[in-house]
Amino acid sequence: MPEISIIVPVYNVEEHVNKCIDSILSQTFGDFELILIDDGSTDKSGKICDSYAKRDSRIKVVHQKNGGLSAARNAGIDMALGEFLGFIDSDDFIEKDMYSTLYEDINGSGADIAVCGLYDVYGKKCIKNKYTMNKCVLDSKMAFKLVLESKFISVSAVNKLYRKSLFKDLRYPVGKTYEDAFLTPILFLEAQKISYNPAPKYYYNHKTESITTKKFNMSDMSIINAYRHHLDFVEKDMPELKNQAMFRYLWAHMVVMDKLVKCDINNYKCTYERVFKVIKSNIFFVLKSPFFSFRRKISTLIMIFAPRTYKRILKRQEIKNFSKG
């Protein structure tokens, strides 16, 4: 049995998938199976996956009807044989020692999850996260806190190695966008210990047409629902983390607001007014919070008191990367 099962959902990424797969096959840690889930691709992605499977017996390919990222990951989890699980997006790539590093960290500490740093990739530009801390082992509460604060540990499923037993009763929510926002915080709460290593080993490709840059549709409300769920949990069981949970809840509204402003608001007037009301009613929290950047605070004031100016600014892309808070 392989030690690690690496799950890669694949959908219409023929220009990227070779680089992704090659980076996995080049790993210094070799005891893994690579599960490629072709999620109904209409380009050559599926055939590319099949060609790799013919060359390397560690590769399994599943072709299924398009069901979205969650459905593809869940299919991989269901068939995984490894004691540990890793997830990679098919248009990203990794350093050759990423899984050896994560495996050593998770076994050396007895943790249930190991996390490494990542690079944000914008075209040919790679940016290392400026927020780092020393290598350490965290308990579930501290890790959950850091995920909510979203500086040292991101909510993304990638750049992590998980003990498969964490997924015994958990799966990614099918039919929702921002699926990581729903599940990753829960996984951290389920874990006893989490190993954190600041060394960047994962290259996260920011697409021009990613979930966070596309115009609004009603499925985008999923991110608000996810952080509303976490806020409700915190208010009940971890009130000392309410400020962090409230930060993420309001951040989710801001992500949705940015997308709404870019489209014809008249088509979503009720939704716009509802999201706007939540942000406006919590403006003093935003201004006082240490978790929102100065730029975000200023932009929120502009959004509330000069919405037309805010829209023009977004169109000129003078405010960028708001999703980082």
Protein backbone atom coordinates (compact mmCIF):
# COMPACT_ATOMS: atom_id res chain seq x y z
CA MET A 1 0.00 0.00 0.00
CA PRO A 2 1.29 3.50 -0.76
CA GLU A 3 1.97 5.81 2.17
CA ILE A 4 0.51 8.89 0.45
CA SER A 5 -2.39 9.28 -1.97
CA ILE A 6 -2.08 12.47 -4.02
CA ILE A 7 -5.43 13.56 -5.46
CA VAL A 8 -5.54 15.91 -8.45
CA PRO A 9 -8.90 16.98 -9.93
CA VAL A 10 -8.44 17.74 -13.64
CA TYR A 11 -10.76 19.87 -15.73
CA ASN A 12 -9.80 21.55 -19.03
CA VAL A 13 -6.22 22.37 -18.09
CA GLU A 14 -4.34 20.91 -21.04
CA GLU A 15 -1.87 23.82 -21.00
CA HIS A 16 -0.94 23.27 -17.34
CA VAL A 17 -1.49 19.64 -16.41
CA ASN A 18 1.85 18.33 -17.77
CA LYS A 19 3.81 20.65 -15.50
CA CYS A 20 1.66 19.68 -12.54
CA ILE A 21 2.05 15.94 -13.07
CA ASP A 22 5.77 16.18 -13.83
CA SER A 23 6.36 18.04 -10.57
CA ILE A 24 4.60 15.23 -8.68
CA LEU A 25 6.48 12.44 -10.43
CA SER A 26 9.75 14.21 -9.65
CA GLN A 27 9.16 13.98 -5.88
CA THR A 28 12.06 12.77 -3.78
CA PHE A 29 9.44 10.85 -1.77
CA GLY A 30 8.40 8.01 -4.03
CA ASP A 31 5.96 5.89 -2.00
CA PHE A 32 2.77 7.44 -3.31
CA GLU A 33 -0.12 6.84 -5.65
CA LEU A 34 -1.28 9.65 -7.92
CA ILE A 35 -5.04 9.75 -8.47
CA LEU A 36 -6.03 11.91 -11.43
CA ILE A 37 -9.76 12.62 -11.53
CA ASP A 38 -10.74 13.79 -15.01
CA ASP A 39 -13.88 15.71 -14.15
CA GLY A 40 -15.52 15.67 -17.58
CA SER A 41 -12.82 17.59 -19.44
CA THR A 42 -13.72 18.62 -22.98
CA ASP A 43 -10.14 19.37 -24.05
CA LYS A 44 -7.13 17.02 -24.19
CA SER A 45 -6.65 16.89 -20.41
CA GLY A 46 -8.13 13.40 -20.05
CA LYS A 47 -5.96 11.96 -22.79
CA ILE A 48 -2.86 13.54 -21.27
CA CYS A 49 -3.69 11.86 -17.96
CA ASP A 50 -4.11 8.50 -19.68
CA SER A 51 -0.74 8.85 -21.40
CA TYR A 52 0.98 9.38 -18.04
CA ALA A 53 -0.79 6.36 -16.53
CA LYS A 54 0.68 4.16 -19.26
CA ARG A 55 4.16 5.28 -18.26
CA ASP A 56 3.95 5.09 -14.46
CA SER A 57 2.14 2.36 -12.51
CA ARG A 58 1.64 4.70 -9.53
CA ILE A 59 -0.90 6.70 -11.53
CA LYS A 60 -4.63 5.97 -11.52
CA VAL A 61 -6.99 7.84 -13.80
CA VAL A 62 -10.73 8.16 -13.33
CA HIS A 63 -12.93 9.74 -15.98
CA GLN A 64 -16.23 10.99 -14.62
CA LYS A 65 -19.08 13.29 -15.54
CA ASN A 66 -18.39 16.88 -14.59
CA GLY A 67 -19.40 17.37 -10.97
CA GLY A 68 -17.08 20.13 -9.79
CA LEU A 69 -14.00 20.27 -7.61
CA SER A 70 -15.63 18.81 -4.49
CA ALA A 71 -17.05 15.81 -6.33
CA ALA A 72 -13.67 15.12 -7.93
CA ARG A 73 -11.80 15.33 -4.63
CA ASN A 74 -14.37 13.13 -2.92
CA ALA A 75 -14.00 10.50 -5.65
CA GLY A 76 -10.27 10.50 -5.01
CA ILE A 77 -10.72 10.22 -1.24
CA ASP A 78 -13.07 7.26 -1.67
CA MET A 79 -10.54 5.25 -3.68
CA ALA A 80 -7.35 6.37 -1.91
CA LEU A 81 -5.23 3.61 -0.38
CA GLY A 82 -2.65 5.74 1.40
CA GLU A 83 -2.51 6.50 5.11
CA PHE A 84 -2.08 10.16 4.19
CA LEU A 85 -3.82 12.38 1.64
CA GLY A 86 -2.56 15.33 -0.35
CA PHE A 87 -4.47 17.58 -2.75
CA ILE A 88 -3.04 19.53 -5.67
CA ASP A 89 -4.86 21.73 -8.16
CA SER A 90 -4.07 20.68 -11.71
CA ASP A 91 -2.83 24.09 -12.85
CA ASP A 92 -0.38 24.37 -9.93
CA PHE A 93 2.97 22.66 -9.32
CA ILE A 94 5.21 21.76 -6.39
CA GLU A 95 8.85 21.60 -5.31
CA LYS A 96 10.44 18.18 -5.67
CA ASP A 97 10.81 17.77 -1.91
CA MET A 98 7.36 18.98 -0.84
CA TYR A 99 5.97 15.59 0.15
CA SER A 100 9.20 14.37 1.75
CA THR A 101 9.15 17.55 3.86
CA LEU A 102 5.48 17.18 4.83
CA TYR A 103 5.85 13.46 5.50
CA GLU A 104 8.86 13.97 7.77
CA ASP A 105 7.07 16.78 9.60
CA ILE A 106 3.85 14.85 10.16
CA ASN A 107 5.63 11.70 11.36
CA GLY A 108 8.27 13.51 13.37
CA SER A 109 5.66 15.42 15.35
CA GLY A 110 2.87 12.83 15.44
CA ALA A 111 0.58 15.42 13.88
CA ASP A 112 -2.60 14.77 11.90
CA ILE A 113 -1.94 17.60 9.41
CA ALA A 114 1.31 19.04 8.09
CA VAL A 115 1.40 22.46 6.42
CA CYS A 116 4.14 24.07 4.34
CA GLY A 117 4.47 27.55 2.87
CA LEU A 118 3.56 28.48 -0.67
CA TYR A 119 4.28 30.92 -3.47
CA ASP A 120 1.53 32.99 -5.04
CA VAL A 121 2.06 32.87 -8.79
CA TYR A 122 0.82 35.70 -11.01
CA GLY A 123 1.92 34.88 -14.53
CA LYS A 124 5.72 34.75 -14.39
CA LYS A 125 5.88 36.42 -10.98
CA CYS A 126 6.20 34.33 -7.81
CA ILE A 127 5.52 36.00 -4.47
CA LYS A 128 6.40 34.40 -1.15
CA ASN A 129 3.89 34.99 1.63
CA LYS A 130 5.29 37.80 3.79
CA TYR A 131 3.56 36.35 6.87
CA THR A 132 5.67 33.56 8.32
CA MET A 133 6.45 32.17 11.72
CA ASN A 134 8.99 29.65 12.95
CA LYS A 135 8.51 25.96 12.35
CA CYS A 136 6.28 24.63 15.12
CA VAL A 137 3.59 22.18 16.19
CA LEU A 138 0.16 23.63 16.98
CA ASP A 139 -2.86 22.35 18.81
CA SER A 140 -6.20 22.35 17.00
CA LYS A 141 -7.47 25.54 18.63
CA MET A 142 -4.41 27.60 17.73
CA ALA A 143 -4.39 26.22 14.17
CA PHE A 144 -8.10 27.02 13.80
CA LYS A 145 -7.38 30.56 15.03
CA LEU A 146 -4.59 31.00 12.48
CA VAL A 147 -6.78 29.69 9.65
CA LEU A 148 -9.43 32.28 10.55
CA GLU A 149 -6.82 35.03 10.63
CA SER A 150 -5.53 33.79 7.23
CA LYS A 151 -1.98 35.05 7.48
CA PHE A 152 0.26 32.14 8.37
CA ILE A 153 -2.06 29.30 7.32
CA SER A 154 -4.44 29.59 4.39
CA VAL A 155 -7.83 27.92 4.16
CA SER A 156 -6.83 26.24 0.89
CA ALA A 157 -6.77 22.43 0.79
CA VAL A 158 -3.42 22.37 -1.00
CA ASN A 159 0.12 22.71 0.51
CA LYS A 160 -0.96 20.29 3.25
CA LEU A 161 -0.72 16.60 4.09
CA TYR A 162 -3.60 15.01 6.01
CA ARG A 163 -3.99 11.79 7.94
CA LYS A 164 -6.70 9.99 5.98
CA SER A 165 -8.60 9.08 9.14
CA LEU A 166 -9.66 12.75 9.42
CA PHE A 167 -11.93 12.18 6.42
CA LYS A 168 -13.74 9.19 7.91
CA ASP A 169 -16.98 11.15 8.25
CA LEU A 170 -16.05 14.27 6.27
CA ARG A 171 -16.17 15.16 2.58
CA TYR A 172 -16.03 18.32 0.50
CA PRO A 173 -19.48 19.91 -0.02
CA VAL A 174 -20.72 19.11 -3.52
CA GLY A 175 -22.47 21.88 -5.43
CA LYS A 176 -20.86 24.74 -3.51
CA THR A 177 -18.07 27.09 -4.47
CA TYR A 178 -15.36 27.98 -1.92
CA GLU A 179 -15.46 24.37 -0.75
CA ASP A 180 -12.19 24.78 1.17
CA ALA A 181 -13.81 27.46 3.35
CA PHE A 182 -16.37 24.90 4.49
CA LEU A 183 -14.08 21.97 5.24
CA THR A 184 -10.53 23.09 6.04
CA PRO A 185 -11.38 24.79 9.38
CA ILE A 186 -13.34 21.69 10.42
CA LEU A 187 -10.39 19.43 9.58
CA PHE A 188 -8.14 21.58 11.75
CA LEU A 189 -10.57 21.26 14.64
CA GLU A 190 -10.67 17.47 14.17
CA ALA A 191 -6.88 17.21 14.26
CA GLN A 192 -5.05 16.77 17.55
CA LYS A 193 -1.83 18.40 16.37
CA ILE A 194 -0.82 20.36 13.27
CA SER A 195 2.76 20.71 12.06
CA TYR A 196 3.64 24.06 10.47
CA ASN A 197 6.69 24.58 8.27
CA PRO A 198 7.18 28.03 6.69
CA ALA A 199 9.33 26.74 3.81
CA PRO A 200 7.43 27.46 0.55
CA LYS A 201 6.99 24.26 -1.44
CA TYR A 202 3.75 24.84 -3.36
CA TYR A 203 3.23 27.16 -6.34
CA TYR A 204 -0.36 28.46 -6.30
CA ASN A 205 -1.36 29.79 -9.70
CA HIS A 206 -3.75 32.76 -9.59
CA LYS A 207 -5.78 32.55 -12.74
CA THR A 208 -7.26 35.61 -14.45
CA GLU A 209 -10.60 33.78 -14.49
CA SER A 210 -10.56 32.21 -11.04
CA ILE A 211 -13.50 31.98 -8.63
CA THR A 212 -12.40 35.21 -6.98
CA THR A 213 -12.12 37.21 -10.22
CA LYS A 214 -15.21 36.07 -12.11
CA LYS A 215 -18.32 38.21 -11.98
CA PHE A 216 -20.96 37.44 -9.40
CA ASN A 217 -23.46 34.62 -9.49
CA MET A 218 -25.63 33.38 -6.65
CA SER A 219 -23.33 30.43 -5.92
CA ASP A 220 -20.82 32.98 -4.61
CA MET A 221 -22.99 33.35 -1.52
CA SER A 222 -21.49 30.00 -0.44
CA ILE A 223 -18.47 31.75 1.04
CA ILE A 224 -20.72 33.83 3.31
CA ASN A 225 -22.61 30.72 4.34
CA ALA A 226 -19.35 28.92 5.16
CA TYR A 227 -18.06 31.63 7.46
CA ARG A 228 -21.49 32.20 8.99
CA HIS A 229 -21.35 28.53 10.02
CA HIS A 230 -17.91 28.98 11.57
CA LEU A 231 -19.01 32.17 13.34
CA ASP A 232 -22.01 30.39 14.83
CA PHE A 233 -19.74 27.60 16.08
CA VAL A 234 -17.26 30.04 17.60
CA GLU A 235 -19.94 32.07 19.35
CA LYS A 236 -21.20 28.88 20.97
CA ASP A 237 -18.02 26.94 21.73
CA MET A 238 -15.01 29.27 21.33
CA PRO A 239 -16.15 32.81 22.19
CA GLU A 240 -12.55 33.91 22.68
CA LEU A 241 -12.11 33.62 18.89
CA LYS A 242 -15.18 35.67 18.01
CA ASN A 243 -13.11 38.58 16.62
CA GLN A 244 -11.28 36.25 14.24
CA ALA A 245 -14.50 34.54 13.14
CA MET A 246 -16.23 37.89 12.66
CA PHE A 247 -13.30 39.10 10.59
CA ARG A 248 -13.66 36.16 8.19
CA TYR A 249 -17.43 36.53 8.06
CA LEU A 250 -17.14 40.19 7.06
CA TRP A 251 -14.23 39.42 4.72
CA ALA A 252 -16.54 36.97 2.93
CA HIS A 253 -19.10 39.75 2.47
CA MET A 254 -16.39 41.96 1.00
CA VAL A 255 -15.35 39.29 -1.49
CA VAL A 256 -18.97 39.01 -2.62
CA MET A 257 -19.41 42.79 -2.69
CA ASP A 258 -16.39 43.23 -4.96
CA LYS A 259 -17.91 40.77 -7.41
CA LEU A 260 -21.35 42.39 -7.21
CA VAL A 261 -19.93 45.83 -7.93
CA LYS A 262 -18.32 44.54 -11.12
CA CYS A 263 -21.65 43.44 -12.59
CA ASP A 264 -25.03 45.10 -13.18
CA ILE A 265 -26.22 45.57 -9.61
CA ASN A 266 -29.81 45.98 -10.80
CA ASN A 267 -29.84 42.26 -11.58
CA TYR A 268 -29.01 41.44 -7.96
CA LYS A 269 -30.45 44.44 -6.13
CA CYS A 270 -31.79 42.55 -3.11
CA THR A 271 -28.54 40.60 -2.69
CA TYR A 272 -26.47 43.77 -3.02
CA GLU A 273 -28.54 45.57 -0.40
CA ARG A 274 -28.29 42.63 2.00
CA VAL A 275 -24.51 42.34 1.67
CA PHE A 276 -24.05 46.12 1.81
CA LYS A 277 -26.15 46.33 4.99
CA VAL A 278 -24.00 43.76 6.83
CA ILE A 279 -20.77 45.55 5.92
CA LYS A 280 -22.10 49.02 6.74
CA SER A 281 -23.56 47.95 10.08
CA ASN A 282 -20.16 46.54 11.08
CA ILE A 283 -17.97 49.38 9.80
CA PHE A 284 -16.65 50.21 13.28
CA PHE A 285 -15.56 46.59 13.75
CA VAL A 286 -13.76 46.75 10.39
CA LEU A 287 -11.96 49.98 11.29
CA LYS A 288 -10.88 48.75 14.72
CA SER A 289 -9.96 45.20 13.71
CA PRO A 290 -6.22 44.38 13.55
CA PHE A 291 -6.96 41.70 10.95
CA PHE A 292 -8.11 43.98 8.13
CA SER A 293 -5.38 45.76 6.20
CA PHE A 294 -5.27 49.55 6.10
CA ARG A 295 -6.06 49.40 2.38
CA ARG A 296 -9.12 47.30 3.03
CA LYS A 297 -10.34 49.69 5.71
CA ILE A 298 -10.00 52.68 3.39
CA SER A 299 -11.63 50.85 0.50
CA THR A 300 -14.56 49.84 2.72
CA LEU A 301 -15.14 53.47 3.66
CA ILE A 302 -15.10 54.39 -0.03
CA MET A 303 -17.50 51.55 -0.82
CA ILE A 304 -19.98 52.76 1.81
CA PHE A 305 -19.81 56.53 1.29
CA ALA A 306 -18.82 56.78 -2.39
CA PRO A 307 -19.98 53.61 -4.12
CA ARG A 308 -19.62 55.02 -7.64
CA THR A 309 -16.02 55.91 -6.95
CA TYR A 310 -15.47 52.43 -5.55
CA LYS A 311 -16.80 50.87 -8.73
CA ARG A 312 -14.52 53.02 -10.88
CA ILE A 313 -11.55 52.04 -8.74
CA LEU A 314 -12.33 48.35 -9.12
CA LYS A 315 -12.71 48.73 -12.87
CA ARG A 316 -9.31 50.39 -13.10
CA GLN A 317 -7.92 47.63 -10.90
CA GLU A 318 -6.31 50.13 -8.58
CA ILE A 319 -7.41 48.00 -5.66
CA LYS A 320 -5.98 44.52 -6.04
CA ASN A 321 -5.92 41.21 -4.17
CA PHE A 322 -8.69 42.13 -1.75
CA SER A 323 -9.21 38.44 -1.06
CA LYS A 324 -6.13 38.56 1.17
CA GLY A 325 -8.02 40.76 3.64
